[in-house]
Amino acid sequence: DAFQRVTEEGLGFLKSGEKKKWRRPWVTLFRQPLQKSIAGRPYTGLNQTLLLIEQTQMSYASPVWATYKTWASKGYQVQKGEHGTEVTGWFKTDKVVMKDGKAVIDKVTKKPKVQTNMSFKGWNVFNGSQVLNAEGKKYGEDKQVNEPIVKTWEDNTEAIAKLNAIIKNHKVEQRSGGNRAFYNPTGDGFIQMPPAEYFESASAFYTTLSHEMIHWTGHDIRTGRHTKIKESKKDFNNNAYAFEELVAELGACFFDKYLEIENDTEVENHYAYLQSWIEGLENNPYMIERASQMAQKAFDYLLEDKTAEAELVEAEQELVSV
């Protein structure tokens, strides 16, 4: 059994005591595209840093910014409830020197004297992900605004098809943008991923997404795992978070086997990640056995045919109403 083998391999690695460092498989904040105005001019200094942070925290897909008025002139409307981000800068204004109601003439140039003043101003800009055009599309949805950093992906159309089928089957809400990969339990829960082109390889993208999908299964409307772990946190050395990470990463290992991703780098990164969290459970390698059971349940849940299940429920309701 492939899943049993993954668990045994993981236990053997953890027991060996060999330390591996987990590596983030996508580019970091300051390797993202420069934040720029809609005219294409990059922001500089503190403005560049602040807008990079805002893009990451708000998970905006676009690195493009403009004022409310500028967006309107381009045919885009800032959406209701959106808030601008303040940027600042120094502005130069020239004023003709006046005396007794007349311009003072420079003795050398024979032209009116001009006094230059510098003023510091702040104004709000909005991201391309905060606006919609007349067709209801965000800025950049009809064009590539994220400059690809990872140029080459291995071609694995079968893995893509398998994963997309699961996402469609379960109606998994997946959002793209920013620099973090995470599961948000708000409402029915959604998955946030950095743009796919930021990942160093296709397998890195698939395994990261599958890790978050395992987290997604723990919601109360699905397997209810998150609540069960919290209610019995003493069984996990009071570190429910670490245990849940073990479950998610083991589930991602199972996905690798299912998607037939054979990549030594990803396998090593899996085990390094597992090892980093097992330490949070007081170095108890056998905790991974319990986590593997929950990971298997989560994986099995994702492979269930929800379309067929929904059709069966609908048919039963029709019979009752007859």
C-alpha atoms as a PDB file:
ATOM      1  CA  ASP A   1       0.000   0.000   0.000  1.00  0.00           C
ATOM      2  CA  ALA A   2       1.498   3.321  -1.140  1.00  0.00           C
ATOM      3  CA  PHE A   3       0.111   5.309   1.788  1.00  0.00           C
ATOM      4  CA  GLN A   4       1.424   2.829   4.360  1.00  0.00           C
ATOM      5  CA  ARG A   5       4.819   3.036   2.677  1.00  0.00           C
ATOM      6  CA  VAL A   6       4.817   6.843   2.926  1.00  0.00           C
ATOM      7  CA  THR A   7       4.102   6.642   6.651  1.00  0.00           C
ATOM      8  CA  GLU A   8       6.806   4.014   7.237  1.00  0.00           C
ATOM      9  CA  GLU A   9       9.348   6.013   5.223  1.00  0.00           C
ATOM     10  CA  GLY A  10       8.485   9.116   7.211  1.00  0.00           C
ATOM     11  CA  LEU A  11       8.856   7.294  10.530  1.00  0.00           C
ATOM     12  CA  GLY A  12      12.192   5.872   9.458  1.00  0.00           C
ATOM     13  CA  PHE A  13      13.456   9.288   8.458  1.00  0.00           C
ATOM     14  CA  LEU A  14      12.337  10.890  11.727  1.00  0.00           C
ATOM     15  CA  LYS A  15      13.805   8.089  13.820  1.00  0.00           C
ATOM     16  CA  SER A  16      17.129   8.363  12.006  1.00  0.00           C
ATOM     17  CA  GLY A  17      17.773  11.717  13.632  1.00  0.00           C
ATOM     18  CA  GLU A  18      18.998  13.197  10.348  1.00  0.00           C
ATOM     19  CA  LYS A  19      18.091  16.890  10.305  1.00  0.00           C
ATOM     20  CA  LYS A  20      16.808  18.540   7.149  1.00  0.00           C
ATOM     21  CA  LYS A  21      15.780  22.144   6.687  1.00  0.00           C
ATOM     22  CA  TRP A  22      12.430  22.865   5.042  1.00  0.00           C
ATOM     23  CA  ARG A  23      12.670  25.105   1.985  1.00  0.00           C
ATOM     24  CA  ARG A  24       9.952  27.492   0.761  1.00  0.00           C
ATOM     25  CA  PRO A  25       9.206  26.352  -2.816  1.00  0.00           C
ATOM     26  CA  TRP A  26       8.043  29.750  -4.104  1.00  0.00           C
ATOM     27  CA  VAL A  27       9.665  33.147  -4.396  1.00  0.00           C
ATOM     28  CA  THR A  28       9.628  35.454  -1.375  1.00  0.00           C
ATOM     29  CA  LEU A  29       8.151  38.915  -0.897  1.00  0.00           C
ATOM     30  CA  PHE A  30      11.035  40.956  -2.231  1.00  0.00           C
ATOM     31  CA  ARG A  31      11.365  38.860  -5.381  1.00  0.00           C
ATOM     32  CA  GLN A  32       7.826  39.672  -6.418  1.00  0.00           C
ATOM     33  CA  PRO A  33       7.284  42.083  -9.325  1.00  0.00           C
ATOM     34  CA  LEU A  34       7.880  45.744  -8.475  1.00  0.00           C
ATOM     35  CA  GLN A  35       4.814  47.673  -7.424  1.00  0.00           C
ATOM     36  CA  LYS A  36       4.094  50.230 -10.130  1.00  0.00           C
ATOM     37  CA  SER A  37       1.647  52.843 -11.314  1.00  0.00           C
ATOM     38  CA  ILE A  38      -0.769  52.079 -14.130  1.00  0.00           C
ATOM     39  CA  ALA A  39       1.567  54.126 -16.346  1.00  0.00           C
ATOM     40  CA  GLY A  40       4.296  51.552 -15.656  1.00  0.00           C
ATOM     41  CA  ARG A  41       6.498  53.666 -13.383  1.00  0.00           C
ATOM     42  CA  PRO A  42       7.806  51.670 -10.370  1.00  0.00           C
ATOM     43  CA  TYR A  43       7.209  53.155  -6.937  1.00  0.00           C
ATOM     44  CA  THR A  44      10.376  53.905  -5.003  1.00  0.00           C
ATOM     45  CA  GLY A  45      11.678  53.888  -1.442  1.00  0.00           C
ATOM     46  CA  LEU A  46       9.188  53.470   1.360  1.00  0.00           C
ATOM     47  CA  ASN A  47       6.222  53.493  -1.041  1.00  0.00           C
ATOM     48  CA  GLN A  48       7.576  50.385  -2.810  1.00  0.00           C
ATOM     49  CA  THR A  49       7.997  48.561   0.502  1.00  0.00           C
ATOM     50  CA  LEU A  50       4.571  49.555   1.857  1.00  0.00           C
ATOM     51  CA  LEU A  51       2.776  48.527  -1.335  1.00  0.00           C
ATOM     52  CA  LEU A  52       4.631  45.189  -1.451  1.00  0.00           C
ATOM     53  CA  ILE A  53       3.496  44.480   2.112  1.00  0.00           C
ATOM     54  CA  GLU A  54      -0.081  45.569   1.335  1.00  0.00           C
ATOM     55  CA  GLN A  55      -0.209  43.348  -1.756  1.00  0.00           C
ATOM     56  CA  THR A  56       0.973  40.385   0.299  1.00  0.00           C
ATOM     57  CA  GLN A  57      -1.309  40.941   3.298  1.00  0.00           C
ATOM     58  CA  MET A  58      -4.395  41.513   1.141  1.00  0.00           C
ATOM     59  CA  SER A  59      -3.470  38.756  -1.353  1.00  0.00           C
ATOM     60  CA  TYR A  60      -3.818  41.075  -4.349  1.00  0.00           C
ATOM     61  CA  ALA A  61      -2.908  39.385  -7.620  1.00  0.00           C
ATOM     62  CA  SER A  62      -1.907  42.634  -9.319  1.00  0.00           C
ATOM     63  CA  PRO A  63       1.179  44.770  -8.606  1.00  0.00           C
ATOM     64  CA  VAL A  64      -0.451  47.779 -10.331  1.00  0.00           C
ATOM     65  CA  TRP A  65      -1.813  50.811  -8.436  1.00  0.00           C
ATOM     66  CA  ALA A  66      -3.577  54.069  -9.310  1.00  0.00           C
ATOM     67  CA  THR A  67      -5.727  56.785  -7.737  1.00  0.00           C
ATOM     68  CA  TYR A  68      -9.525  56.598  -7.781  1.00  0.00           C
ATOM     69  CA  LYS A  69      -9.653  59.270 -10.480  1.00  0.00           C
ATOM     70  CA  THR A  70      -7.052  57.570 -12.660  1.00  0.00           C
ATOM     71  CA  TRP A  71      -8.845  54.214 -12.499  1.00  0.00           C
ATOM     72  CA  ALA A  72     -12.091  55.951 -13.492  1.00  0.00           C
ATOM     73  CA  SER A  73     -10.373  57.572 -16.474  1.00  0.00           C
ATOM     74  CA  LYS A  74      -9.274  54.103 -17.613  1.00  0.00           C
ATOM     75  CA  GLY A  75     -12.780  52.674 -17.372  1.00  0.00           C
ATOM     76  CA  TYR A  76     -12.460  50.953 -13.984  1.00  0.00           C
ATOM     77  CA  GLN A  77     -14.545  51.451 -10.845  1.00  0.00           C
ATOM     78  CA  VAL A  78     -13.204  51.001  -7.326  1.00  0.00           C
ATOM     79  CA  GLN A  79     -15.518  48.504  -5.636  1.00  0.00           C
ATOM     80  CA  LYS A  80     -17.755  49.437  -2.728  1.00  0.00           C
ATOM     81  CA  GLY A  81     -16.136  48.870   0.660  1.00  0.00           C
ATOM     82  CA  GLU A  82     -12.564  48.954  -0.681  1.00  0.00           C
ATOM     83  CA  HIS A  83     -10.045  51.173   1.089  1.00  0.00           C
ATOM     84  CA  GLY A  84      -7.081  52.935  -0.476  1.00  0.00           C
ATOM     85  CA  THR A  85      -3.441  52.632   0.551  1.00  0.00           C
ATOM     86  CA  GLU A  86      -1.614  55.873   1.263  1.00  0.00           C
ATOM     87  CA  VAL A  87       1.594  56.712  -0.572  1.00  0.00           C
ATOM     88  CA  THR A  88       3.605  59.874  -0.102  1.00  0.00           C
ATOM     89  CA  GLY A  89       6.032  62.072  -1.985  1.00  0.00           C
ATOM     90  CA  TRP A  90       7.696  65.449  -2.358  1.00  0.00           C
ATOM     91  CA  PHE A  91       6.308  67.865  -4.941  1.00  0.00           C
ATOM     92  CA  LYS A  92       8.029  70.853  -6.471  1.00  0.00           C
ATOM     93  CA  THR A  93       6.033  73.982  -7.245  1.00  0.00           C
ATOM     94  CA  ASP A  94       7.391  77.080  -8.959  1.00  0.00           C
ATOM     95  CA  LYS A  95       5.950  80.499  -8.145  1.00  0.00           C
ATOM     96  CA  VAL A  96       6.762  83.781  -9.853  1.00  0.00           C
ATOM     97  CA  VAL A  97       8.150  86.330  -7.356  1.00  0.00           C
ATOM     98  CA  MET A  98       5.864  89.346  -7.204  1.00  0.00           C
ATOM     99  CA  LYS A  99       6.436  92.863  -5.862  1.00  0.00           C
ATOM    100  CA  ASP A 100       3.871  95.634  -5.859  1.00  0.00           C
ATOM    101  CA  GLY A 101       1.681  93.519  -8.047  1.00  0.00           C
ATOM    102  CA  LYS A 102       4.375  92.999 -10.679  1.00  0.00           C
ATOM    103  CA  ALA A 103       6.744  90.141 -11.468  1.00  0.00           C
ATOM    104  CA  VAL A 104      10.318  90.686 -10.328  1.00  0.00           C
ATOM    105  CA  ILE A 105      12.693  90.472 -13.298  1.00  0.00           C
ATOM    106  CA  ASP A 106      15.989  88.620 -12.881  1.00  0.00           C
ATOM    107  CA  LYS A 107      18.863  90.930 -13.811  1.00  0.00           C
ATOM    108  CA  VAL A 108      20.854  88.118 -15.480  1.00  0.00           C
ATOM    109  CA  THR A 109      18.220  86.138 -17.374  1.00  0.00           C
ATOM    110  CA  LYS A 110      15.929  89.130 -17.916  1.00  0.00           C
ATOM    111  CA  LYS A 111      13.047  86.765 -17.134  1.00  0.00           C
ATOM    112  CA  PRO A 112      10.627  86.766 -14.183  1.00  0.00           C
ATOM    113  CA  LYS A 113      12.228  85.402 -11.032  1.00  0.00           C
ATOM    114  CA  VAL A 114      10.861  82.017  -9.963  1.00  0.00           C
ATOM    115  CA  GLN A 115      10.825  80.733  -6.395  1.00  0.00           C
ATOM    116  CA  THR A 116      10.811  76.933  -5.995  1.00  0.00           C
ATOM    117  CA  ASN A 117       8.953  75.413  -3.039  1.00  0.00           C
ATOM    118  CA  MET A 118       8.923  71.757  -1.929  1.00  0.00           C
ATOM    119  CA  SER A 119       5.837  70.290  -0.276  1.00  0.00           C
ATOM    120  CA  PHE A 120       5.246  66.813   1.207  1.00  0.00           C
ATOM    121  CA  LYS A 121       1.913  65.224   0.295  1.00  0.00           C
ATOM    122  CA  GLY A 122       0.072  61.956   0.754  1.00  0.00           C
ATOM    123  CA  TRP A 123      -2.616  60.412  -1.430  1.00  0.00           C
ATOM    124  CA  ASN A 124      -4.515  57.140  -1.695  1.00  0.00           C
ATOM    125  CA  VAL A 125      -4.021  54.563  -4.414  1.00  0.00           C
ATOM    126  CA  PHE A 126      -6.015  51.416  -5.159  1.00  0.00           C
ATOM    127  CA  ASN A 127      -4.760  48.063  -6.408  1.00  0.00           C
ATOM    128  CA  GLY A 128      -5.833  46.540  -9.712  1.00  0.00           C
ATOM    129  CA  SER A 129      -7.516  43.752  -7.734  1.00  0.00           C
ATOM    130  CA  GLN A 130      -9.829  46.334  -6.094  1.00  0.00           C
ATOM    131  CA  VAL A 131     -11.393  47.587  -9.320  1.00  0.00           C
ATOM    132  CA  LEU A 132     -13.715  46.239 -12.010  1.00  0.00           C
ATOM    133  CA  ASN A 133     -14.338  47.335 -15.585  1.00  0.00           C
ATOM    134  CA  ALA A 134     -17.710  47.530 -17.320  1.00  0.00           C
ATOM    135  CA  GLU A 135     -17.555  43.781 -18.017  1.00  0.00           C
ATOM    136  CA  GLY A 136     -17.044  43.007 -14.331  1.00  0.00           C
ATOM    137  CA  LYS A 137     -13.382  42.034 -14.722  1.00  0.00           C
ATOM    138  CA  LYS A 138     -10.556  43.071 -12.437  1.00  0.00           C
ATOM    139  CA  TYR A 139      -7.616  44.889 -13.954  1.00  0.00           C
ATOM    140  CA  GLY A 140      -5.284  42.354 -15.514  1.00  0.00           C
ATOM    141  CA  GLU A 141      -7.750  39.470 -15.785  1.00  0.00           C
ATOM    142  CA  ASP A 142      -7.550  39.865 -19.555  1.00  0.00           C
ATOM    143  CA  LYS A 143      -3.784  40.339 -19.529  1.00  0.00           C
ATOM    144  CA  GLN A 144      -0.705  39.062 -17.666  1.00  0.00           C
ATOM    145  CA  VAL A 145       0.200  41.573 -14.946  1.00  0.00           C
ATOM    146  CA  ASN A 146       2.332  39.252 -12.818  1.00  0.00           C
ATOM    147  CA  GLU A 147       5.754  39.002 -14.392  1.00  0.00           C
ATOM    148  CA  PRO A 148       6.586  35.267 -14.428  1.00  0.00           C
ATOM    149  CA  ILE A 149       9.630  34.504 -12.316  1.00  0.00           C
ATOM    150  CA  VAL A 150       9.617  30.748 -12.827  1.00  0.00           C
ATOM    151  CA  LYS A 151       9.974  30.401 -16.590  1.00  0.00           C
ATOM    152  CA  THR A 152       9.969  26.609 -16.965  1.00  0.00           C
ATOM    153  CA  TRP A 153       7.537  24.033 -15.617  1.00  0.00           C
ATOM    154  CA  GLU A 154       7.661  20.351 -16.326  1.00  0.00           C
ATOM    155  CA  ASP A 155       4.631  19.243 -18.296  1.00  0.00           C
ATOM    156  CA  ASN A 156       2.296  17.022 -16.306  1.00  0.00           C
ATOM    157  CA  THR A 157      -1.154  17.399 -17.798  1.00  0.00           C
ATOM    158  CA  GLU A 158      -2.430  14.230 -16.116  1.00  0.00           C
ATOM    159  CA  ALA A 159      -1.615  15.540 -12.626  1.00  0.00           C
ATOM    160  CA  ILE A 160      -3.256  18.874 -13.469  1.00  0.00           C
ATOM    161  CA  ALA A 161      -6.387  17.079 -14.684  1.00  0.00           C
ATOM    162  CA  LYS A 162      -6.601  14.929 -11.542  1.00  0.00           C
ATOM    163  CA  LEU A 163      -6.202  17.859  -9.166  1.00  0.00           C
ATOM    164  CA  ASN A 164      -8.598  20.098 -11.090  1.00  0.00           C
ATOM    165  CA  ALA A 165     -11.181  17.308 -11.065  1.00  0.00           C
ATOM    166  CA  ILE A 166     -10.988  17.112  -7.251  1.00  0.00           C
ATOM    167  CA  ILE A 167     -11.244  20.901  -6.887  1.00  0.00           C
ATOM    168  CA  LYS A 168     -14.269  20.991  -9.204  1.00  0.00           C
ATOM    169  CA  ASN A 169     -15.891  17.968  -7.568  1.00  0.00           C
ATOM    170  CA  HIS A 170     -15.724  19.501  -4.086  1.00  0.00           C
ATOM    171  CA  LYS A 171     -16.169  23.121  -5.227  1.00  0.00           C
ATOM    172  CA  VAL A 172     -12.995  24.131  -3.384  1.00  0.00           C
ATOM    173  CA  GLU A 173     -12.692  27.913  -3.273  1.00  0.00           C
ATOM    174  CA  GLN A 174      -9.144  28.714  -4.348  1.00  0.00           C
ATOM    175  CA  ARG A 175      -7.810  32.287  -4.433  1.00  0.00           C
ATOM    176  CA  SER A 176      -4.569  33.459  -6.034  1.00  0.00           C
ATOM    177  CA  GLY A 177      -2.287  36.305  -5.021  1.00  0.00           C
ATOM    178  CA  GLY A 178       0.137  37.501  -2.381  1.00  0.00           C
ATOM    179  CA  ASN A 179       3.111  35.661  -0.997  1.00  0.00           C
ATOM    180  CA  ARG A 180       1.577  33.146   1.418  1.00  0.00           C
ATOM    181  CA  ALA A 181      -0.044  29.758   1.021  1.00  0.00           C
ATOM    182  CA  PHE A 182      -2.677  29.093   3.670  1.00  0.00           C
ATOM    183  CA  TYR A 183      -6.135  27.759   4.493  1.00  0.00           C
ATOM    184  CA  ASN A 184      -8.635  30.287   5.862  1.00  0.00           C
ATOM    185  CA  PRO A 185     -11.522  28.711   7.833  1.00  0.00           C
ATOM    186  CA  THR A 186     -13.807  31.753   7.422  1.00  0.00           C
ATOM    187  CA  GLY A 187     -17.281  30.712   6.282  1.00  0.00           C
ATOM    188  CA  ASP A 188     -16.990  27.420   4.422  1.00  0.00           C
ATOM    189  CA  GLY A 189     -13.230  27.954   4.187  1.00  0.00           C
ATOM    190  CA  PHE A 190     -11.001  28.888   1.256  1.00  0.00           C
ATOM    191  CA  ILE A 191      -7.430  28.264   0.097  1.00  0.00           C
ATOM    192  CA  GLN A 192      -5.057  31.138  -0.689  1.00  0.00           C
ATOM    193  CA  MET A 193      -2.073  30.449  -2.966  1.00  0.00           C
ATOM    194  CA  PRO A 194       0.720  32.623  -4.378  1.00  0.00           C
ATOM    195  CA  PRO A 195       0.438  32.981  -8.189  1.00  0.00           C
ATOM    196  CA  ALA A 196       1.380  29.699  -9.846  1.00  0.00           C
ATOM    197  CA  GLU A 197       4.207  31.293 -11.837  1.00  0.00           C
ATOM    198  CA  TYR A 198       6.026  32.150  -8.580  1.00  0.00           C
ATOM    199  CA  PHE A 199       6.684  28.464  -7.846  1.00  0.00           C
ATOM    200  CA  GLU A 200       9.983  26.890  -8.817  1.00  0.00           C
ATOM    201  CA  SER A 201       8.293  23.878 -10.376  1.00  0.00           C
ATOM    202  CA  ALA A 202       4.910  22.378 -11.136  1.00  0.00           C
ATOM    203  CA  SER A 203       5.407  19.683  -8.498  1.00  0.00           C
ATOM    204  CA  ALA A 204       6.149  22.374  -5.886  1.00  0.00           C
ATOM    205  CA  PHE A 205       2.843  24.042  -6.737  1.00  0.00           C
ATOM    206  CA  TYR A 206       0.868  20.786  -6.649  1.00  0.00           C
ATOM    207  CA  THR A 207       2.283  19.626  -3.328  1.00  0.00           C
ATOM    208  CA  THR A 208       1.734  23.018  -1.675  1.00  0.00           C
ATOM    209  CA  LEU A 209      -1.843  23.171  -2.921  1.00  0.00           C
ATOM    210  CA  SER A 210      -2.554  19.595  -1.805  1.00  0.00           C
ATOM    211  CA  HIS A 211      -1.200  20.435   1.690  1.00  0.00           C
ATOM    212  CA  GLU A 212      -3.726  23.274   1.948  1.00  0.00           C
ATOM    213  CA  MET A 213      -6.506  21.064   0.566  1.00  0.00           C
ATOM    214  CA  ILE A 214      -5.934  18.593   3.403  1.00  0.00           C
ATOM    215  CA  HIS A 215      -6.320  21.502   5.858  1.00  0.00           C
ATOM    216  CA  TRP A 216      -9.547  22.388   3.987  1.00  0.00           C
ATOM    217  CA  THR A 217     -11.038  18.958   4.713  1.00  0.00           C
ATOM    218  CA  GLY A 218     -10.860  19.566   8.486  1.00  0.00           C
ATOM    219  CA  HIS A 219     -13.757  22.053   8.506  1.00  0.00           C
ATOM    220  CA  ASP A 220     -16.826  21.030  10.533  1.00  0.00           C
ATOM    221  CA  ILE A 221     -18.964  20.733   7.377  1.00  0.00           C
ATOM    222  CA  ARG A 222     -16.498  18.150   6.034  1.00  0.00           C
ATOM    223  CA  THR A 223     -14.579  15.743   8.278  1.00  0.00           C
ATOM    224  CA  GLY A 224     -14.771  17.873  11.452  1.00  0.00           C
ATOM    225  CA  ARG A 225     -11.124  17.081  12.209  1.00  0.00           C
ATOM    226  CA  HIS A 226     -10.190  20.556  13.457  1.00  0.00           C
ATOM    227  CA  THR A 227     -12.807  20.484  16.207  1.00  0.00           C
ATOM    228  CA  LYS A 228     -11.901  16.921  17.200  1.00  0.00           C
ATOM    229  CA  ILE A 229      -8.223  17.846  17.552  1.00  0.00           C
ATOM    230  CA  LYS A 230      -9.011  20.938  19.631  1.00  0.00           C
ATOM    231  CA  GLU A 231     -11.313  18.971  21.927  1.00  0.00           C
ATOM    232  CA  SER A 232      -8.636  16.359  22.585  1.00  0.00           C
ATOM    233  CA  LYS A 233      -5.558  18.621  22.526  1.00  0.00           C
ATOM    234  CA  LYS A 234      -4.121  16.910  25.623  1.00  0.00           C
ATOM    235  CA  ASP A 235      -3.639  13.825  23.486  1.00  0.00           C
ATOM    236  CA  PHE A 236      -1.320  15.869  21.295  1.00  0.00           C
ATOM    237  CA  ASN A 237       0.832  17.339  24.065  1.00  0.00           C
ATOM    238  CA  ASN A 238      -1.348  20.487  23.962  1.00  0.00           C
ATOM    239  CA  ASN A 239      -0.006  21.336  20.526  1.00  0.00           C
ATOM    240  CA  ALA A 240      -2.998  20.922  18.248  1.00  0.00           C
ATOM    241  CA  TYR A 241      -1.497  23.231  15.613  1.00  0.00           C
ATOM    242  CA  ALA A 242       1.626  21.106  15.197  1.00  0.00           C
ATOM    243  CA  PHE A 243      -0.453  17.954  14.973  1.00  0.00           C
ATOM    244  CA  GLU A 244      -2.711  19.443  12.283  1.00  0.00           C
ATOM    245  CA  GLU A 245       0.400  20.374  10.264  1.00  0.00           C
ATOM    246  CA  LEU A 246       1.550  16.769  10.454  1.00  0.00           C
ATOM    247  CA  VAL A 247      -1.819  15.637   9.132  1.00  0.00           C
ATOM    248  CA  ALA A 248      -1.716  18.126   6.249  1.00  0.00           C
ATOM    249  CA  GLU A 249       1.832  17.279   5.197  1.00  0.00           C
ATOM    250  CA  LEU A 250       1.228  13.532   5.321  1.00  0.00           C
ATOM    251  CA  GLY A 251      -1.868  14.085   3.222  1.00  0.00           C
ATOM    252  CA  ALA A 252       0.279  16.013   0.744  1.00  0.00           C
ATOM    253  CA  CYS A 253       2.640  13.010   0.596  1.00  0.00           C
ATOM    254  CA  PHE A 254      -0.337  10.803  -0.244  1.00  0.00           C
ATOM    255  CA  PHE A 255      -1.307  13.262  -2.974  1.00  0.00           C
ATOM    256  CA  ASP A 256       2.179  13.031  -4.476  1.00  0.00           C
ATOM    257  CA  LYS A 257       1.665   9.295  -4.883  1.00  0.00           C
ATOM    258  CA  TYR A 258      -1.829   9.774  -6.308  1.00  0.00           C
ATOM    259  CA  LEU A 259      -0.672  12.447  -8.773  1.00  0.00           C
ATOM    260  CA  GLU A 260       2.395  10.302  -9.580  1.00  0.00           C
ATOM    261  CA  ILE A 261       4.813  13.100  -8.761  1.00  0.00           C
ATOM    262  CA  GLU A 262       8.232  11.525  -8.365  1.00  0.00           C
ATOM    263  CA  ASN A 263      10.581  14.314  -7.313  1.00  0.00           C
ATOM    264  CA  ASP A 264      13.412  13.706  -4.827  1.00  0.00           C
ATOM    265  CA  THR A 265      13.499  17.378  -3.878  1.00  0.00           C
ATOM    266  CA  GLU A 266       9.828  17.407  -2.956  1.00  0.00           C
ATOM    267  CA  VAL A 267      10.084  14.140  -1.027  1.00  0.00           C
ATOM    268  CA  GLU A 268      12.972  15.491   1.049  1.00  0.00           C
ATOM    269  CA  ASN A 269      11.119  18.738   1.621  1.00  0.00           C
ATOM    270  CA  HIS A 270       8.062  16.770   2.819  1.00  0.00           C
ATOM    271  CA  TYR A 271      10.080  14.955   5.440  1.00  0.00           C
ATOM    272  CA  ALA A 272      11.938  18.105   6.526  1.00  0.00           C
ATOM    273  CA  TYR A 273       8.565  19.780   7.090  1.00  0.00           C
ATOM    274  CA  LEU A 274       7.254  16.771   8.995  1.00  0.00           C
ATOM    275  CA  GLN A 275      10.349  16.727  11.180  1.00  0.00           C
ATOM    276  CA  SER A 276      10.022  20.428  12.014  1.00  0.00           C
ATOM    277  CA  TRP A 277       6.509  19.857  13.380  1.00  0.00           C
ATOM    278  CA  ILE A 278       7.131  16.535  15.103  1.00  0.00           C
ATOM    279  CA  GLU A 279       9.616  18.427  17.312  1.00  0.00           C
ATOM    280  CA  GLY A 280       6.675  20.526  18.505  1.00  0.00           C
ATOM    281  CA  LEU A 281       5.113  17.308  19.772  1.00  0.00           C
ATOM    282  CA  GLU A 282       8.059  16.596  22.081  1.00  0.00           C
ATOM    283  CA  ASN A 283       9.926  14.537  19.499  1.00  0.00           C
ATOM    284  CA  ASN A 284       7.418  11.717  19.575  1.00  0.00           C
ATOM    285  CA  PRO A 285       7.807  10.009  16.180  1.00  0.00           C
ATOM    286  CA  TYR A 286       4.891   7.699  16.893  1.00  0.00           C
ATOM    287  CA  MET A 287       2.519  10.679  16.826  1.00  0.00           C
ATOM    288  CA  ILE A 288       2.913  10.524  13.065  1.00  0.00           C
ATOM    289  CA  GLU A 289       1.071   7.200  13.060  1.00  0.00           C
ATOM    290  CA  ARG A 290      -2.023   8.870  14.509  1.00  0.00           C
ATOM    291  CA  ALA A 291      -1.630  11.774  12.096  1.00  0.00           C
ATOM    292  CA  SER A 292      -1.371   9.378   9.163  1.00  0.00           C
ATOM    293  CA  GLN A 293      -4.761   7.865  10.033  1.00  0.00           C
ATOM    294  CA  MET A 294      -6.395  11.295   9.934  1.00  0.00           C
ATOM    295  CA  ALA A 295      -4.474  12.191   6.761  1.00  0.00           C
ATOM    296  CA  GLN A 296      -5.783   9.019   5.106  1.00  0.00           C
ATOM    297  CA  LYS A 297      -9.341   9.938   6.072  1.00  0.00           C
ATOM    298  CA  ALA A 298      -8.881  13.453   4.667  1.00  0.00           C
ATOM    299  CA  PHE A 299      -7.393  12.075   1.460  1.00  0.00           C
ATOM    300  CA  ASP A 300     -10.218   9.567   1.068  1.00  0.00           C
ATOM    301  CA  TYR A 301     -12.732  12.393   1.586  1.00  0.00           C
ATOM    302  CA  LEU A 302     -11.213  14.343  -1.307  1.00  0.00           C
ATOM    303  CA  LEU A 303     -11.463  11.326  -3.592  1.00  0.00           C
ATOM    304  CA  GLU A 304     -15.186  10.881  -2.880  1.00  0.00           C
ATOM    305  CA  ASP A 305     -17.468  11.635  -5.823  1.00  0.00           C
ATOM    306  CA  LYS A 306     -19.540  14.516  -4.462  1.00  0.00           C
ATOM    307  CA  THR A 307     -21.356  14.935  -7.770  1.00  0.00           C
ATOM    308  CA  ALA A 308     -22.773  11.413  -7.577  1.00  0.00           C
ATOM    309  CA  GLU A 309     -23.577  11.915  -3.891  1.00  0.00           C
ATOM    310  CA  ALA A 310     -25.495  15.126  -4.638  1.00  0.00           C
ATOM    311  CA  GLU A 311     -27.462  13.388  -7.416  1.00  0.00           C
ATOM    312  CA  LEU A 312     -28.391  10.581  -5.014  1.00  0.00           C
ATOM    313  CA  VAL A 313     -29.653  13.039  -2.379  1.00  0.00           C
ATOM    314  CA  GLU A 314     -31.658  14.893  -5.025  1.00  0.00           C
ATOM    315  CA  ALA A 315     -33.206  11.627  -6.229  1.00  0.00           C
ATOM    316  CA  GLU A 316     -34.147  10.633  -2.663  1.00  0.00           C
ATOM    317  CA  GLN A 317     -35.796  14.020  -2.094  1.00  0.00           C
ATOM    318  CA  GLU A 318     -37.842  13.579  -5.279  1.00  0.00           C
ATOM    319  CA  LEU A 319     -39.042  10.171  -4.102  1.00  0.00           C
ATOM    320  CA  VAL A 320     -40.110  11.601  -0.728  1.00  0.00           C
ATOM    321  CA  SER A 321     -42.054  14.404  -2.396  1.00  0.00           C
ATOM    322  CA  VAL A 322     -43.940  12.020  -4.685  1.00  0.00           C
END
